[in-house]
PDB file of N, CA and C in Angstrom:
ATOM      1  N   MET A   1     109.398  98.286 -96.026  1.00  0.00           N
ATOM      2  CA  MET A   1     108.230  97.220 -95.179  1.00  0.00           C
ATOM      3  C   MET A   1     108.229  95.338 -94.982  1.00  0.00           C
ATOM      4  N   VAL A   2     107.773  95.332 -94.358  1.00  0.00           N
ATOM      5  CA  VAL A   2     108.155  93.768 -94.022  1.00  0.00           C
ATOM      6  C   VAL A   2     107.261  92.944 -95.468  1.00  0.00           C
ATOM      7  N   VAL A   3     106.185  93.287 -95.558  1.00  0.00           N
ATOM      8  CA  VAL A   3     105.680  92.559 -96.625  1.00  0.00           C
ATOM      9  C   VAL A   3     106.029  92.381 -97.685  1.00  0.00           C
ATOM     10  N   VAL A   4     106.226  93.649 -98.489  1.00  0.00           N
ATOM     11  CA  VAL A   4     106.849  93.547 -99.739  1.00  0.00           C
ATOM     12  C   VAL A   4     108.095  93.727 -99.889  1.00  0.00           C
ATOM     13  N   PRO A   5     109.082  92.355-100.682  1.00  0.00           N
ATOM     14  CA  PRO A   5     110.180  92.050-100.493  1.00  0.00           C
ATOM     15  C   PRO A   5     110.898  93.660-101.385  1.00  0.00           C
ATOM     16  N   LYS A   6     111.846  93.592-101.049  1.00  0.00           N
ATOM     17  CA  LYS A   6     112.823  95.001-101.170  1.00  0.00           C
ATOM     18  C   LYS A   6     113.152  95.281-102.916  1.00  0.00           C
ATOM     19  N   ALA A   7     113.102  94.057-103.352  1.00  0.00           N
ATOM     20  CA  ALA A   7     113.472  94.055-104.716  1.00  0.00           C
ATOM     21  C   ALA A   7     111.909  94.236-105.664  1.00  0.00           C
ATOM     22  N   VAL A   8     110.681  94.264-105.016  1.00  0.00           N
ATOM     23  CA  VAL A   8     109.838  94.693-105.336  1.00  0.00           C
ATOM     24  C   VAL A   8     109.916  96.187-105.498  1.00  0.00           C
ATOM     25  N   GLN A   9     110.306  96.609-104.337  1.00  0.00           N
ATOM     26  CA  GLN A   9     110.125  98.090-103.925  1.00  0.00           C
ATOM     27  C   GLN A   9     110.963  98.909-104.655  1.00  0.00           C
ATOM     28  N   LEU A  10     112.107  98.305-104.942  1.00  0.00           N
ATOM     29  CA  LEU A  10     113.168  99.059-105.919  1.00  0.00           C
ATOM     30  C   LEU A  10     112.793  99.189-107.420  1.00  0.00           C
ATOM     31  N   ASP A  11     111.786  98.359-107.919  1.00  0.00           N
ATOM     32  CA  ASP A  11     111.931  98.524-108.948  1.00  0.00           C
ATOM     33  C   ASP A  11     110.666  99.395-109.466  1.00  0.00           C
ATOM     34  N   PRO A  12     111.231 100.656-110.271  1.00  0.00           N
ATOM     35  CA  PRO A  12     110.171 101.491-110.615  1.00  0.00           C
ATOM     36  C   PRO A  12     108.851 101.372-111.584  1.00  0.00           C
ATOM     37  N   GLU A  13     108.942 100.205-111.781  1.00  0.00           N
ATOM     38  CA  GLU A  13     107.494  99.965-112.830  1.00  0.00           C
ATOM     39  C   GLU A  13     106.683  99.498-111.745  1.00  0.00           C
ATOM     40  N   ASN A  14     106.820  99.063-110.446  1.00  0.00           N
ATOM     41  CA  ASN A  14     105.971  98.127-109.753  1.00  0.00           C
ATOM     42  C   ASN A  14     104.821  99.709-108.858  1.00  0.00           C
ATOM     43  N   ASN A  15     103.743  98.846-108.156  1.00  0.00           N
ATOM     44  CA  ASN A  15     103.447  99.846-107.511  1.00  0.00           C
ATOM     45  C   ASN A  15     103.249  99.009-106.064  1.00  0.00           C
ATOM     46  N   VAL A  16     103.633  99.639-104.986  1.00  0.00           N
ATOM     47  CA  VAL A  16     104.283  99.278-104.183  1.00  0.00           C
ATOM     48  C   VAL A  16     102.601  98.915-103.235  1.00  0.00           C
ATOM     49  N   ALA A  17     101.910 100.050-103.469  1.00  0.00           N
ATOM     50  CA  ALA A  17     100.374 100.119-102.418  1.00  0.00           C
ATOM     51  C   ALA A  17      99.795  98.840-102.815  1.00  0.00           C
ATOM     52  N   LEU A  18      99.767  98.659-104.589  1.00  0.00           N
ATOM     53  CA  LEU A  18      99.214  97.564-105.180  1.00  0.00           C
ATOM     54  C   LEU A  18      99.585  95.826-104.543  1.00  0.00           C
ATOM     55  N   GLU A  19     100.932  96.177-104.680  1.00  0.00           N
ATOM     56  CA  GLU A  19     101.741  94.763-104.295  1.00  0.00           C
ATOM     57  C   GLU A  19     101.509  94.534-103.227  1.00  0.00           C
ATOM     58  N   PHE A  20     101.193  95.262-102.171  1.00  0.00           N
ATOM     59  CA  PHE A  20     101.392  95.053-100.617  1.00  0.00           C
ATOM     60  C   PHE A  20      99.788  94.735-100.494  1.00  0.00           C
ATOM     61  N   ILE A  21      98.691  95.092-100.856  1.00  0.00           N
ATOM     62  CA  ILE A  21      97.140  94.858-100.734  1.00  0.00           C
ATOM     63  C   ILE A  21      97.193  93.217-101.618  1.00  0.00           C
ATOM     64  N   ARG A  22      97.928  93.000-102.746  1.00  0.00           N
ATOM     65  CA  ARG A  22      98.076  91.771-103.579  1.00  0.00           C
ATOM     66  C   ARG A  22      98.312  90.853-102.470  1.00  0.00           C
ATOM     67  N   LEU A  23      99.666  91.092-101.451  1.00  0.00           N
ATOM     68  CA  LEU A  23     100.279  89.978-100.827  1.00  0.00           C
ATOM     69  C   LEU A  23      99.606  89.817 -99.967  1.00  0.00           C
ATOM     70  N   THR A  24      98.541  90.524 -99.147  1.00  0.00           N
ATOM     71  CA  THR A  24      97.698  90.433 -97.649  1.00  0.00           C
ATOM     72  C   THR A  24      96.633  90.501 -97.967  1.00  0.00           C
ATOM     73  N   TYR A  25      96.070  90.726 -99.035  1.00  0.00           N
ATOM     74  CA  TYR A  25      94.488  90.252 -98.999  1.00  0.00           C
ATOM     75  C   TYR A  25      94.289  89.347-100.478  1.00  0.00           C
ATOM     76  N   GLY A  26      95.274  89.039-101.404  1.00  0.00           N
ATOM     77  CA  GLY A  26      95.088  88.404-102.327  1.00  0.00           C
ATOM     78  C   GLY A  26      95.056  86.833-102.113  1.00  0.00           C
ATOM     79  N   THR A  27      94.710  86.281-101.038  1.00  0.00           N
ATOM     80  CA  THR A  27      95.034  84.547-100.607  1.00  0.00           C
ATOM     81  C   THR A  27      93.290  84.802-100.262  1.00  0.00           C
ATOM     82  N   ILE A  28      92.562  86.098 -99.789  1.00  0.00           N
ATOM     83  CA  ILE A  28      91.376  85.811 -99.331  1.00  0.00           C
ATOM     84  C   ILE A  28      90.686  86.116-100.771  1.00  0.00           C
ATOM     85  N   ALA A  29      90.957  86.792-101.928  1.00  0.00           N
ATOM     86  CA  ALA A  29      90.149  86.626-103.057  1.00  0.00           C
ATOM     87  C   ALA A  29      90.532  85.876-104.148  1.00  0.00           C
ATOM     88  N   ASN A  30      89.577  85.191-104.645  1.00  0.00           N
ATOM     89  CA  ASN A  30      89.646  84.153-105.597  1.00  0.00           C
ATOM     90  C   ASN A  30      89.634  84.880-107.139  1.00  0.00           C
ATOM     91  N   GLY A  31      89.206  86.253-107.263  1.00  0.00           N
ATOM     92  CA  GLY A  31      89.909  86.835-108.531  1.00  0.00           C
ATOM     93  C   GLY A  31      90.812  87.448-108.578  1.00  0.00           C
ATOM     94  N   SER A  32      91.373  87.904-109.808  1.00  0.00           N
ATOM     95  CA  SER A  32      92.784  88.873-109.474  1.00  0.00           C
ATOM     96  C   SER A  32      92.198  90.432-109.890  1.00  0.00           C
ATOM     97  N   ALA A  33      91.227  90.517-109.766  1.00  0.00           N
ATOM     98  CA  ALA A  33      91.034  91.981-110.008  1.00  0.00           C
ATOM     99  C   ALA A  33      90.494  92.663-108.552  1.00  0.00           C
ATOM    100  N   GLU A  34      90.360  91.248-107.646  1.00  0.00           N
ATOM    101  CA  GLU A  34      90.020  92.063-106.086  1.00  0.00           C
ATOM    102  C   GLU A  34      90.966  92.742-105.605  1.00  0.00           C
ATOM    103  N   PRO A  35      92.145  92.571-105.359  1.00  0.00           N
ATOM    104  CA  PRO A  35      93.120  93.735-105.171  1.00  0.00           C
ATOM    105  C   PRO A  35      93.222  94.911-105.242  1.00  0.00           C
ATOM    106  N   ASN A  36      93.200  94.877-107.016  1.00  0.00           N
ATOM    107  CA  ASN A  36      92.899  96.581-107.385  1.00  0.00           C
ATOM    108  C   ASN A  36      91.677  97.125-106.769  1.00  0.00           C
ATOM    109  N   ARG A  37      90.621  96.575-106.501  1.00  0.00           N
ATOM    110  CA  ARG A  37      89.487  96.921-106.184  1.00  0.00           C
ATOM    111  C   ARG A  37      89.121  97.500-104.933  1.00  0.00           C
ATOM    112  N   VAL A  38      90.505  96.608-103.671  1.00  0.00           N
ATOM    113  CA  VAL A  38      90.290  97.172-102.473  1.00  0.00           C
ATOM    114  C   VAL A  38      91.506  98.409-102.821  1.00  0.00           C
ATOM    115  N   LEU A  39      92.187  98.142-103.160  1.00  0.00           N
ATOM    116  CA  LEU A  39      92.999  99.412-102.864  1.00  0.00           C
ATOM    117  C   LEU A  39      92.432 100.851-103.548  1.00  0.00           C
ATOM    118  N   SER A  40      91.151 100.633-104.759  1.00  0.00           N
ATOM    119  CA  SER A  40      90.878 101.348-105.493  1.00  0.00           C
ATOM    120  C   SER A  40      90.028 101.642-104.033  1.00  0.00           C
ATOM    121  N   ALA A  41      88.910 101.419-103.461  1.00  0.00           N
ATOM    122  CA  ALA A  41      88.008 101.533-102.319  1.00  0.00           C
ATOM    123  C   ALA A  41      88.922 102.337-101.337  1.00  0.00           C
ATOM    124  N   PHE A  42      89.965 101.911-100.872  1.00  0.00           N
ATOM    125  CA  PHE A  42      90.825 102.573 -99.674  1.00  0.00           C
ATOM    126  C   PHE A  42      91.123 104.007 -99.771  1.00  0.00           C
ATOM    127  N   MET A  43      91.532 104.105-101.260  1.00  0.00           N
ATOM    128  CA  MET A  43      91.981 105.380-101.710  1.00  0.00           C
ATOM    129  C   MET A  43      90.824 106.405-102.083  1.00  0.00           C
ATOM    130  N   ALA A  44      89.263 105.474-102.783  1.00  0.00           N
ATOM    131  CA  ALA A  44      88.254 106.766-102.240  1.00  0.00           C
ATOM    132  C   ALA A  44      87.676 106.862-101.107  1.00  0.00           C
ATOM    133  N   VAL A  45      87.699 106.371 -99.835  1.00  0.00           N
ATOM    134  CA  VAL A  45      87.732 106.560 -98.703  1.00  0.00           C
ATOM    135  C   VAL A  45      88.537 107.427 -97.989  1.00  0.00           C
ATOM    136  N   SER A  46      89.941 107.163 -98.497  1.00  0.00           N
ATOM    137  CA  SER A  46      91.094 108.403 -98.244  1.00  0.00           C
ATOM    138  C   SER A  46      90.976 109.695 -98.618  1.00  0.00           C
ATOM    139  N   SER A  47      90.442 110.035 -99.787  1.00  0.00           N
ATOM    140  CA  SER A  47      90.633 110.823-100.446  1.00  0.00           C
ATOM    141  C   SER A  47      89.319 111.693-100.040  1.00  0.00           C
ATOM    142  N   PHE A  48      88.167 111.024 -99.780  1.00  0.00           N
ATOM    143  CA  PHE A  48      86.649 111.465 -99.354  1.00  0.00           C
ATOM    144  C   PHE A  48      87.015 112.274 -97.912  1.00  0.00           C
ATOM    145  N   GLY A  49      87.921 111.553 -97.095  1.00  0.00           N
ATOM    146  CA  GLY A  49      87.957 111.965 -95.937  1.00  0.00           C
ATOM    147  C   GLY A  49      88.724 113.120 -96.080  1.00  0.00           C
ATOM    148  N   ASN A  50      89.894 113.333 -97.073  1.00  0.00           N
ATOM    149  CA  ASN A  50      90.651 114.529 -96.928  1.00  0.00           C
ATOM    150  C   ASN A  50      89.747 115.480 -97.097  1.00  0.00           C
ATOM    151  N   ILE A  51      88.662 115.606 -98.185  1.00  0.00           N
ATOM    152  CA  ILE A  51      87.984 116.341 -98.809  1.00  0.00           C
ATOM    153  C   ILE A  51      87.095 117.135 -97.308  1.00  0.00           C
ATOM    154  N   VAL A  52      86.665 116.389 -96.847  1.00  0.00           N
ATOM    155  CA  VAL A  52      85.479 116.592 -95.526  1.00  0.00           C
ATOM    156  C   VAL A  52      86.709 117.198 -94.535  1.00  0.00           C
ATOM    157  N   VAL A  53      87.969 116.880 -94.273  1.00  0.00           N
ATOM    158  CA  VAL A  53      88.787 117.805 -93.203  1.00  0.00           C
ATOM    159  C   VAL A  53      88.861 118.922 -93.667  1.00  0.00           C
ATOM    160  N   MET A  54      89.432 118.763 -94.618  1.00  0.00           N
ATOM    161  CA  MET A  54      90.123 120.459 -95.294  1.00  0.00           C
ATOM    162  C   MET A  54      88.702 121.294 -95.487  1.00  0.00           C
ATOM    163  N   THR A  55      87.713 120.961 -95.921  1.00  0.00           N
ATOM    164  CA  THR A  55      86.326 121.638 -95.483  1.00  0.00           C
ATOM    165  C   THR A  55      86.164 122.181 -94.356  1.00  0.00           C
ATOM    166  N   PHE A  56      86.097 121.410 -93.439  1.00  0.00           N
ATOM    167  CA  PHE A  56      85.793 121.636 -92.031  1.00  0.00           C
ATOM    168  C   PHE A  56      86.834 122.771 -91.266  1.00  0.00           C
ATOM    169  N   THR A  57      88.217 121.964 -91.980  1.00  0.00           N
ATOM    170  CA  THR A  57      89.158 123.376 -91.378  1.00  0.00           C
ATOM    171  C   THR A  57      89.107 124.697 -92.007  1.00  0.00           C
ATOM    172  N   ALA A  58      88.733 124.832 -93.464  1.00  0.00           N
ATOM    173  CA  ALA A  58      88.716 125.980 -93.890  1.00  0.00           C
ATOM    174  C   ALA A  58      87.207 126.914 -93.719  1.00  0.00           C
ATOM    175  N   ALA A  59      86.399 126.107 -93.350  1.00  0.00           N
ATOM    176  CA  ALA A  59      85.356 126.655 -92.444  1.00  0.00           C
ATOM    177  C   ALA A  59      85.718 127.093 -91.034  1.00  0.00           C
ATOM    178  N   ARG A  60      86.224 126.472 -90.489  1.00  0.00           N
ATOM    179  CA  ARG A  60      86.541 126.896 -88.871  1.00  0.00           C
ATOM    180  C   ARG A  60      87.578 128.481 -89.155  1.00  0.00           C
ATOM    181  N   GLY A  61      88.305 128.260 -90.209  1.00  0.00           N
ATOM    182  CA  GLY A  61      89.750 129.318 -90.316  1.00  0.00           C
ATOM    183  C   GLY A  61      88.541 130.519 -90.772  1.00  0.00           C
ATOM    184  N   LEU A  62      87.728 130.325 -91.710  1.00  0.00           N
ATOM    185  CA  LEU A  62      86.681 131.761 -92.053  1.00  0.00           C
ATOM    186  C   LEU A  62      86.348 132.311 -91.025  1.00  0.00           C
ATOM    187  N   PHE A  63      85.259 131.460 -90.397  1.00  0.00           N
ATOM    188  CA  PHE A  63      84.626 131.685 -89.367  1.00  0.00           C
ATOM    189  C   PHE A  63      85.221 132.660 -88.194  1.00  0.00           C
ATOM    190  N   ALA A  64      86.549 132.087 -87.886  1.00  0.00           N
ATOM    191  CA  ALA A  64      87.471 132.814 -86.587  1.00  0.00           C
ATOM    192  C   ALA A  64      87.702 133.895 -87.294  1.00  0.00           C
ATOM    193  N   ASN A  65      88.246 133.879 -88.333  1.00  0.00           N
ATOM    194  CA  ASN A  65      88.640 135.548 -88.884  1.00  0.00           C
ATOM    195  C   ASN A  65      87.228 136.442 -88.862  1.00  0.00           C
ATOM    196  N   VAL A  66      86.129 135.873 -89.093  1.00  0.00           N
ATOM    197  CA  VAL A  66      84.573 136.965 -89.031  1.00  0.00           C
ATOM    198  C   VAL A  66      84.222 137.429 -87.803  1.00  0.00           C
ATOM    199  N   SER A  67      84.720 136.731 -86.963  1.00  0.00           N
ATOM    200  CA  SER A  67      84.266 137.050 -85.496  1.00  0.00           C
ATOM    201  C   SER A  67      85.185 137.768 -84.863  1.00  0.00           C
ATOM    202  N   VAL A  68      86.241 138.192 -85.144  1.00  0.00           N
ATOM    203  CA  VAL A  68      87.442 138.999 -84.568  1.00  0.00           C
ATOM    204  C   VAL A  68      87.329 140.521 -84.930  1.00  0.00           C
TER     205      VAL A  68
END
């Protein structure tokens, strides 16, 4: 990645996603907890989208097999 330095990426104790958010959005936020909240919000939206898509896909598969 271009934003996160290689040394940070190779350190197993670092969270690369959190470091990316800190480096990109850290200048916008004054508080130190803001990047953590932004990452948590992105992960929550992503998880919710995954649940919705998997539910939709499972329902389509179920009804496709019933109508045959």
